[in-house]
């Protein structure tokens, strides 16, 4: 299984970025997907998740970020608007499902997002 993120980079505050996560060798449609981030000196946190037609966001990104998925393309997206310096972090793609009641998780390698003030 591979999850490969792309789309990170350097952007000024107020700008936008769109992250993508391409999945391979994964029954993509069966997995709940999410974006996590880890800022400098911080713990990894869940940013947004999508599964079963439901989306969830951490409070700090509500109204600015949108998570979506294209199951036909095995791809997860995160549209990030009105970026703030505090959004600076490595963003990770995550896949999870229960297999016979046991959680199975996969992570991407991460993509750096840097927001300058």
N, C-alpha and C. Protein backbone atom coordinates (compact mmCIF):
# COMPACT_ATOMS: atom_id res chain seq x y z
N UNK A 1 0.85 -1.19 0.00
CA UNK A 1 0.00 0.00 0.00
C UNK A 1 0.89 1.24 0.00
N UNK A 2 0.51 2.18 -0.84
CA UNK A 2 1.23 3.45 -0.88
C UNK A 2 0.25 4.61 -0.85
N UNK A 3 0.56 5.59 -0.02
CA UNK A 3 -0.15 6.86 -0.01
C UNK A 3 0.89 7.94 -0.31
N UNK A 4 0.72 8.67 -1.37
CA UNK A 4 1.71 9.66 -1.79
C UNK A 4 1.07 11.03 -1.85
N UNK A 5 1.52 11.91 -0.96
CA UNK A 5 1.00 13.27 -0.92
C UNK A 5 1.76 14.17 -1.90
N UNK A 6 1.08 15.19 -2.36
CA UNK A 6 1.69 16.22 -3.19
C UNK A 6 0.91 17.51 -3.02
N UNK A 7 1.51 18.60 -3.50
CA UNK A 7 0.81 19.87 -3.48
C UNK A 7 1.25 20.83 -2.40
N UNK A 8 2.14 20.40 -1.52
CA UNK A 8 2.64 21.30 -0.51
C UNK A 8 3.57 22.34 -1.10
N UNK A 9 3.95 23.30 -0.26
CA UNK A 9 4.86 24.33 -0.72
C UNK A 9 4.84 25.53 0.18
N UNK A 10 5.41 26.63 -0.33
CA UNK A 10 5.50 27.89 0.40
C UNK A 10 4.45 28.84 -0.16
N UNK A 11 3.67 29.44 0.72
CA UNK A 11 2.61 30.35 0.29
C UNK A 11 2.51 31.49 1.31
N UNK A 12 2.08 32.64 0.86
CA UNK A 12 1.88 33.76 1.77
C UNK A 12 0.56 33.62 2.51
N UNK A 13 0.51 34.23 3.67
CA UNK A 13 -0.73 34.22 4.45
C UNK A 13 -1.88 34.75 3.59
N UNK A 14 -3.02 34.10 3.69
CA UNK A 14 -4.17 34.45 2.88
C UNK A 14 -4.26 33.69 1.58
N UNK A 15 -3.21 32.97 1.24
CA UNK A 15 -3.18 32.22 0.00
C UNK A 15 -3.84 30.85 0.12
N UNK A 16 -3.73 30.09 -0.95
CA UNK A 16 -4.37 28.78 -1.03
C UNK A 16 -3.41 27.72 -1.54
N UNK A 17 -3.66 26.51 -1.12
CA UNK A 17 -2.97 25.34 -1.63
C UNK A 17 -3.96 24.19 -1.71
N UNK A 18 -3.71 23.27 -2.62
CA UNK A 18 -4.52 22.06 -2.71
C UNK A 18 -3.61 20.86 -2.59
N UNK A 19 -3.81 20.09 -1.54
CA UNK A 19 -3.04 18.87 -1.35
C UNK A 19 -3.77 17.70 -1.99
N UNK A 20 -2.99 16.78 -2.51
CA UNK A 20 -3.53 15.54 -3.06
C UNK A 20 -2.84 14.36 -2.41
N UNK A 21 -3.55 13.26 -2.31
CA UNK A 21 -2.99 12.02 -1.80
C UNK A 21 -3.43 10.90 -2.73
N UNK A 22 -2.47 10.36 -3.45
CA UNK A 22 -2.76 9.28 -4.39
C UNK A 22 -2.51 7.94 -3.71
N UNK A 23 -3.52 7.09 -3.75
CA UNK A 23 -3.42 5.78 -3.11
C UNK A 23 -3.21 4.70 -4.16
N UNK A 24 -2.39 3.73 -3.82
CA UNK A 24 -2.20 2.59 -4.71
C UNK A 24 -2.20 1.31 -3.87
N UNK A 25 -2.62 0.24 -4.53
CA UNK A 25 -2.71 -1.07 -3.88
C UNK A 25 -3.55 -0.99 -2.61
N UNK A 26 -4.63 -0.21 -2.68
CA UNK A 26 -5.52 -0.01 -1.55
C UNK A 26 -6.94 -0.03 -2.06
N UNK A 27 -7.82 -0.74 -1.38
CA UNK A 27 -9.23 -0.72 -1.74
C UNK A 27 -9.80 0.61 -1.24
N UNK A 28 -9.48 1.66 -1.96
CA UNK A 28 -9.63 3.04 -1.50
C UNK A 28 -11.03 3.35 -0.99
N UNK A 29 -12.03 2.92 -1.72
CA UNK A 29 -13.40 3.26 -1.37
C UNK A 29 -13.87 2.70 -0.05
N UNK A 30 -13.19 1.70 0.46
CA UNK A 30 -13.59 1.06 1.71
C UNK A 30 -12.97 1.73 2.94
N UNK A 31 -12.06 2.68 2.70
CA UNK A 31 -11.33 3.28 3.81
C UNK A 31 -11.88 4.65 4.17
N UNK A 32 -11.89 4.92 5.48
CA UNK A 32 -12.05 6.28 5.96
C UNK A 32 -10.71 6.97 5.76
N UNK A 33 -10.75 8.19 5.24
CA UNK A 33 -9.52 8.90 4.91
C UNK A 33 -9.43 10.19 5.72
N UNK A 34 -8.20 10.60 5.96
CA UNK A 34 -8.03 11.84 6.71
C UNK A 34 -6.72 12.52 6.40
N UNK A 35 -6.67 13.78 6.76
CA UNK A 35 -5.44 14.57 6.71
C UNK A 35 -5.05 14.93 8.14
N UNK A 36 -3.82 14.66 8.48
CA UNK A 36 -3.24 15.06 9.75
C UNK A 36 -2.13 16.07 9.47
N UNK A 37 -1.71 16.79 10.50
CA UNK A 37 -0.56 17.67 10.36
C UNK A 37 0.24 17.68 11.65
N UNK A 38 1.51 17.98 11.48
CA UNK A 38 2.40 18.11 12.63
C UNK A 38 3.27 19.34 12.42
N UNK A 39 3.00 20.34 13.25
CA UNK A 39 3.77 21.57 13.19
C UNK A 39 5.04 21.46 14.02
N UNK A 40 5.94 22.42 13.86
CA UNK A 40 7.20 22.40 14.62
C UNK A 40 6.95 22.36 16.12
N UNK A 41 7.51 21.36 16.78
CA UNK A 41 7.36 21.24 18.22
C UNK A 41 5.98 20.86 18.70
N UNK A 42 5.14 20.41 17.78
CA UNK A 42 3.76 20.07 18.15
C UNK A 42 3.48 18.60 17.89
N UNK A 43 2.41 18.12 18.52
CA UNK A 43 1.97 16.76 18.27
C UNK A 43 1.19 16.70 16.96
N UNK A 44 1.17 15.53 16.37
CA UNK A 44 0.37 15.34 15.16
C UNK A 44 -1.10 15.46 15.52
N UNK A 45 -1.85 16.18 14.70
CA UNK A 45 -3.27 16.38 14.96
C UNK A 45 -4.09 16.10 13.71
N UNK A 46 -5.32 15.66 13.94
CA UNK A 46 -6.25 15.43 12.84
C UNK A 46 -6.76 16.79 12.35
N UNK A 47 -6.66 17.01 11.06
CA UNK A 47 -7.14 18.25 10.44
C UNK A 47 -8.54 18.05 9.88
N UNK A 48 -8.72 16.98 9.11
CA UNK A 48 -10.00 16.73 8.46
C UNK A 48 -10.11 15.26 8.14
N UNK A 49 -11.34 14.76 8.13
CA UNK A 49 -11.58 13.35 7.84
C UNK A 49 -12.83 13.21 7.00
N UNK A 50 -12.86 12.13 6.22
CA UNK A 50 -14.02 11.87 5.37
C UNK A 50 -14.23 10.36 5.30
N UNK A 51 -15.49 9.98 5.49
CA UNK A 51 -15.84 8.57 5.43
C UNK A 51 -17.33 8.40 5.55
N UNK A 52 -17.87 7.46 4.80
CA UNK A 52 -19.31 7.23 4.86
C UNK A 52 -20.12 8.45 4.51
N UNK A 53 -19.55 9.31 3.66
CA UNK A 53 -20.26 10.52 3.25
C UNK A 53 -20.24 11.64 4.26
N UNK A 54 -19.51 11.45 5.34
CA UNK A 54 -19.45 12.44 6.41
C UNK A 54 -18.06 13.06 6.45
N UNK A 55 -18.02 14.36 6.66
CA UNK A 55 -16.75 15.05 6.82
C UNK A 55 -16.67 15.69 8.20
N UNK A 56 -15.47 15.75 8.72
CA UNK A 56 -15.22 16.39 10.01
C UNK A 56 -13.95 17.22 9.92
N UNK A 57 -13.95 18.32 10.65
CA UNK A 57 -12.81 19.23 10.63
C UNK A 57 -12.46 19.65 12.05
N UNK A 58 -11.18 19.86 12.28
CA UNK A 58 -10.80 20.48 13.53
C UNK A 58 -11.25 21.94 13.50
N UNK A 59 -11.55 22.48 14.67
CA UNK A 59 -12.16 23.82 14.72
C UNK A 59 -11.34 24.88 14.02
N UNK A 60 -10.03 24.78 14.11
CA UNK A 60 -9.17 25.86 13.60
C UNK A 60 -9.19 25.97 12.08
N UNK A 61 -9.70 24.97 11.37
CA UNK A 61 -9.71 25.02 9.90
C UNK A 61 -11.12 25.09 9.32
N UNK A 62 -12.13 25.02 10.17
CA UNK A 62 -13.51 25.05 9.68
C UNK A 62 -13.76 26.34 8.91
N UNK A 63 -14.39 26.20 7.75
CA UNK A 63 -14.67 27.35 6.91
C UNK A 63 -13.52 27.74 5.99
N UNK A 64 -12.36 27.17 6.19
CA UNK A 64 -11.19 27.48 5.35
C UNK A 64 -10.71 26.28 4.55
N UNK A 65 -10.80 25.09 5.13
CA UNK A 65 -10.32 23.88 4.46
C UNK A 65 -11.51 23.02 4.03
N UNK A 66 -11.32 22.29 2.93
CA UNK A 66 -12.34 21.36 2.46
C UNK A 66 -11.67 20.05 2.07
N UNK A 67 -12.14 18.97 2.67
CA UNK A 67 -11.64 17.64 2.32
C UNK A 67 -12.60 17.00 1.34
N UNK A 68 -12.04 16.29 0.36
CA UNK A 68 -12.87 15.59 -0.61
C UNK A 68 -12.10 14.37 -1.12
N UNK A 69 -12.82 13.50 -1.79
CA UNK A 69 -12.19 12.29 -2.32
C UNK A 69 -12.80 11.95 -3.67
N UNK A 70 -11.99 11.32 -4.50
CA UNK A 70 -12.47 10.80 -5.79
C UNK A 70 -12.13 9.32 -5.77
N UNK A 71 -13.12 8.51 -5.46
CA UNK A 71 -12.86 7.08 -5.33
C UNK A 71 -12.45 6.45 -6.65
N UNK A 72 -12.94 6.99 -7.77
CA UNK A 72 -12.59 6.45 -9.08
C UNK A 72 -11.11 6.69 -9.40
N UNK A 73 -10.55 7.77 -8.82
CA UNK A 73 -9.15 8.10 -9.06
C UNK A 73 -8.25 7.72 -7.89
N UNK A 74 -8.84 7.10 -6.87
CA UNK A 74 -8.08 6.67 -5.68
C UNK A 74 -7.31 7.84 -5.09
N UNK A 75 -7.96 8.98 -5.00
CA UNK A 75 -7.27 10.19 -4.58
C UNK A 75 -8.07 10.95 -3.54
N UNK A 76 -7.35 11.45 -2.55
CA UNK A 76 -7.89 12.29 -1.49
C UNK A 76 -7.35 13.70 -1.69
N UNK A 77 -8.19 14.70 -1.38
CA UNK A 77 -7.78 16.09 -1.56
C UNK A 77 -8.01 16.88 -0.27
N UNK A 78 -7.24 17.96 -0.16
CA UNK A 78 -7.49 18.94 0.89
C UNK A 78 -7.29 20.32 0.27
N UNK A 79 -8.38 21.03 0.08
CA UNK A 79 -8.32 22.40 -0.40
C UNK A 79 -8.16 23.31 0.80
N UNK A 80 -7.09 24.09 0.80
CA UNK A 80 -6.79 24.96 1.94
C UNK A 80 -6.81 26.41 1.47
N UNK A 81 -7.73 27.17 1.99
CA UNK A 81 -7.86 28.59 1.66
C UNK A 81 -7.58 29.45 2.88
N UNK A 82 -7.34 30.72 2.64
CA UNK A 82 -7.10 31.67 3.73
C UNK A 82 -6.07 31.13 4.72
N UNK A 83 -4.98 30.66 4.17
CA UNK A 83 -3.96 30.04 5.00
C UNK A 83 -3.34 31.03 5.97
N UNK A 84 -2.99 30.51 7.13
CA UNK A 84 -2.39 31.31 8.19
C UNK A 84 -1.01 30.74 8.54
N UNK A 85 -0.14 31.56 9.10
CA UNK A 85 1.18 31.03 9.49
C UNK A 85 1.07 29.82 10.42
N UNK A 86 0.05 29.79 11.26
CA UNK A 86 -0.10 28.65 12.18
C UNK A 86 -0.53 27.36 11.48
N UNK A 87 -0.83 27.44 10.20
CA UNK A 87 -1.12 26.23 9.42
C UNK A 87 0.17 25.56 8.94
N UNK A 88 1.30 26.20 9.17
CA UNK A 88 2.59 25.64 8.78
C UNK A 88 2.81 24.30 9.48
N UNK A 89 3.05 23.26 8.69
CA UNK A 89 3.20 21.91 9.24
C UNK A 89 3.53 20.95 8.11
N UNK A 90 3.90 19.74 8.50
CA UNK A 90 3.93 18.65 7.55
C UNK A 90 2.55 18.00 7.57
N UNK A 91 1.96 17.86 6.40
CA UNK A 91 0.62 17.30 6.27
C UNK A 91 0.71 15.85 5.79
N UNK A 92 0.01 14.98 6.50
CA UNK A 92 0.05 13.55 6.23
C UNK A 92 -1.33 13.04 5.82
N UNK A 93 -1.33 12.17 4.86
CA UNK A 93 -2.53 11.46 4.44
C UNK A 93 -2.65 10.18 5.26
N UNK A 94 -3.87 9.83 5.63
CA UNK A 94 -4.10 8.67 6.48
C UNK A 94 -5.30 7.88 5.98
N UNK A 95 -5.17 6.57 6.00
CA UNK A 95 -6.26 5.67 5.62
C UNK A 95 -6.51 4.68 6.75
N UNK A 96 -7.79 4.42 7.03
CA UNK A 96 -8.11 3.52 8.12
C UNK A 96 -9.41 2.76 7.82
N UNK A 97 -9.42 1.50 8.19
CA UNK A 97 -10.65 0.73 8.16
C UNK A 97 -10.52 -0.41 9.16
N UNK A 98 -11.64 -1.00 9.51
CA UNK A 98 -11.64 -2.16 10.37
C UNK A 98 -11.66 -3.42 9.52
N UNK A 99 -10.76 -4.33 9.82
CA UNK A 99 -10.71 -5.61 9.14
C UNK A 99 -10.91 -6.68 10.21
N UNK A 100 -12.06 -7.33 10.15
CA UNK A 100 -12.42 -8.31 11.19
C UNK A 100 -12.29 -7.69 12.58
N UNK A 101 -12.72 -6.44 12.69
CA UNK A 101 -12.72 -5.75 13.97
C UNK A 101 -11.39 -5.17 14.39
N UNK A 102 -10.38 -5.34 13.59
CA UNK A 102 -9.05 -4.83 13.92
C UNK A 102 -8.76 -3.61 13.04
N UNK A 103 -8.38 -2.47 13.65
CA UNK A 103 -8.09 -1.28 12.82
C UNK A 103 -6.81 -1.47 12.01
N UNK A 104 -6.90 -1.12 10.75
CA UNK A 104 -5.76 -1.16 9.85
C UNK A 104 -5.50 0.26 9.38
N UNK A 105 -4.27 0.73 9.56
CA UNK A 105 -3.91 2.12 9.26
C UNK A 105 -2.76 2.19 8.28
N UNK A 106 -2.82 3.19 7.41
CA UNK A 106 -1.70 3.49 6.51
C UNK A 106 -1.46 5.00 6.53
N UNK A 107 -0.17 5.35 6.39
CA UNK A 107 0.23 6.76 6.38
C UNK A 107 1.05 7.07 5.14
N UNK A 108 0.91 8.29 4.66
CA UNK A 108 1.80 8.78 3.63
C UNK A 108 3.07 9.32 4.26
N UNK A 109 3.98 9.79 3.40
CA UNK A 109 5.28 10.26 3.89
C UNK A 109 5.24 11.72 4.31
N UNK A 110 4.18 12.41 3.95
CA UNK A 110 4.03 13.81 4.35
C UNK A 110 4.46 14.79 3.29
N UNK A 111 3.83 15.96 3.32
CA UNK A 111 4.21 17.05 2.42
C UNK A 111 4.25 18.33 3.24
N UNK A 112 5.29 19.13 3.05
CA UNK A 112 5.50 20.33 3.85
C UNK A 112 4.65 21.49 3.33
N UNK A 113 3.96 22.13 4.24
CA UNK A 113 3.23 23.37 3.94
C UNK A 113 3.81 24.46 4.82
N UNK A 114 4.28 25.52 4.20
CA UNK A 114 4.84 26.64 4.93
C UNK A 114 4.09 27.91 4.54
N UNK A 115 3.55 28.59 5.54
CA UNK A 115 2.80 29.81 5.30
C UNK A 115 3.57 30.97 5.91
N UNK A 116 3.96 31.90 5.08
CA UNK A 116 4.72 33.06 5.55
C UNK A 116 3.77 34.21 5.88
N UNK A 117 4.20 35.00 6.85
CA UNK A 117 3.34 36.12 7.27
C UNK A 117 3.65 37.39 6.49
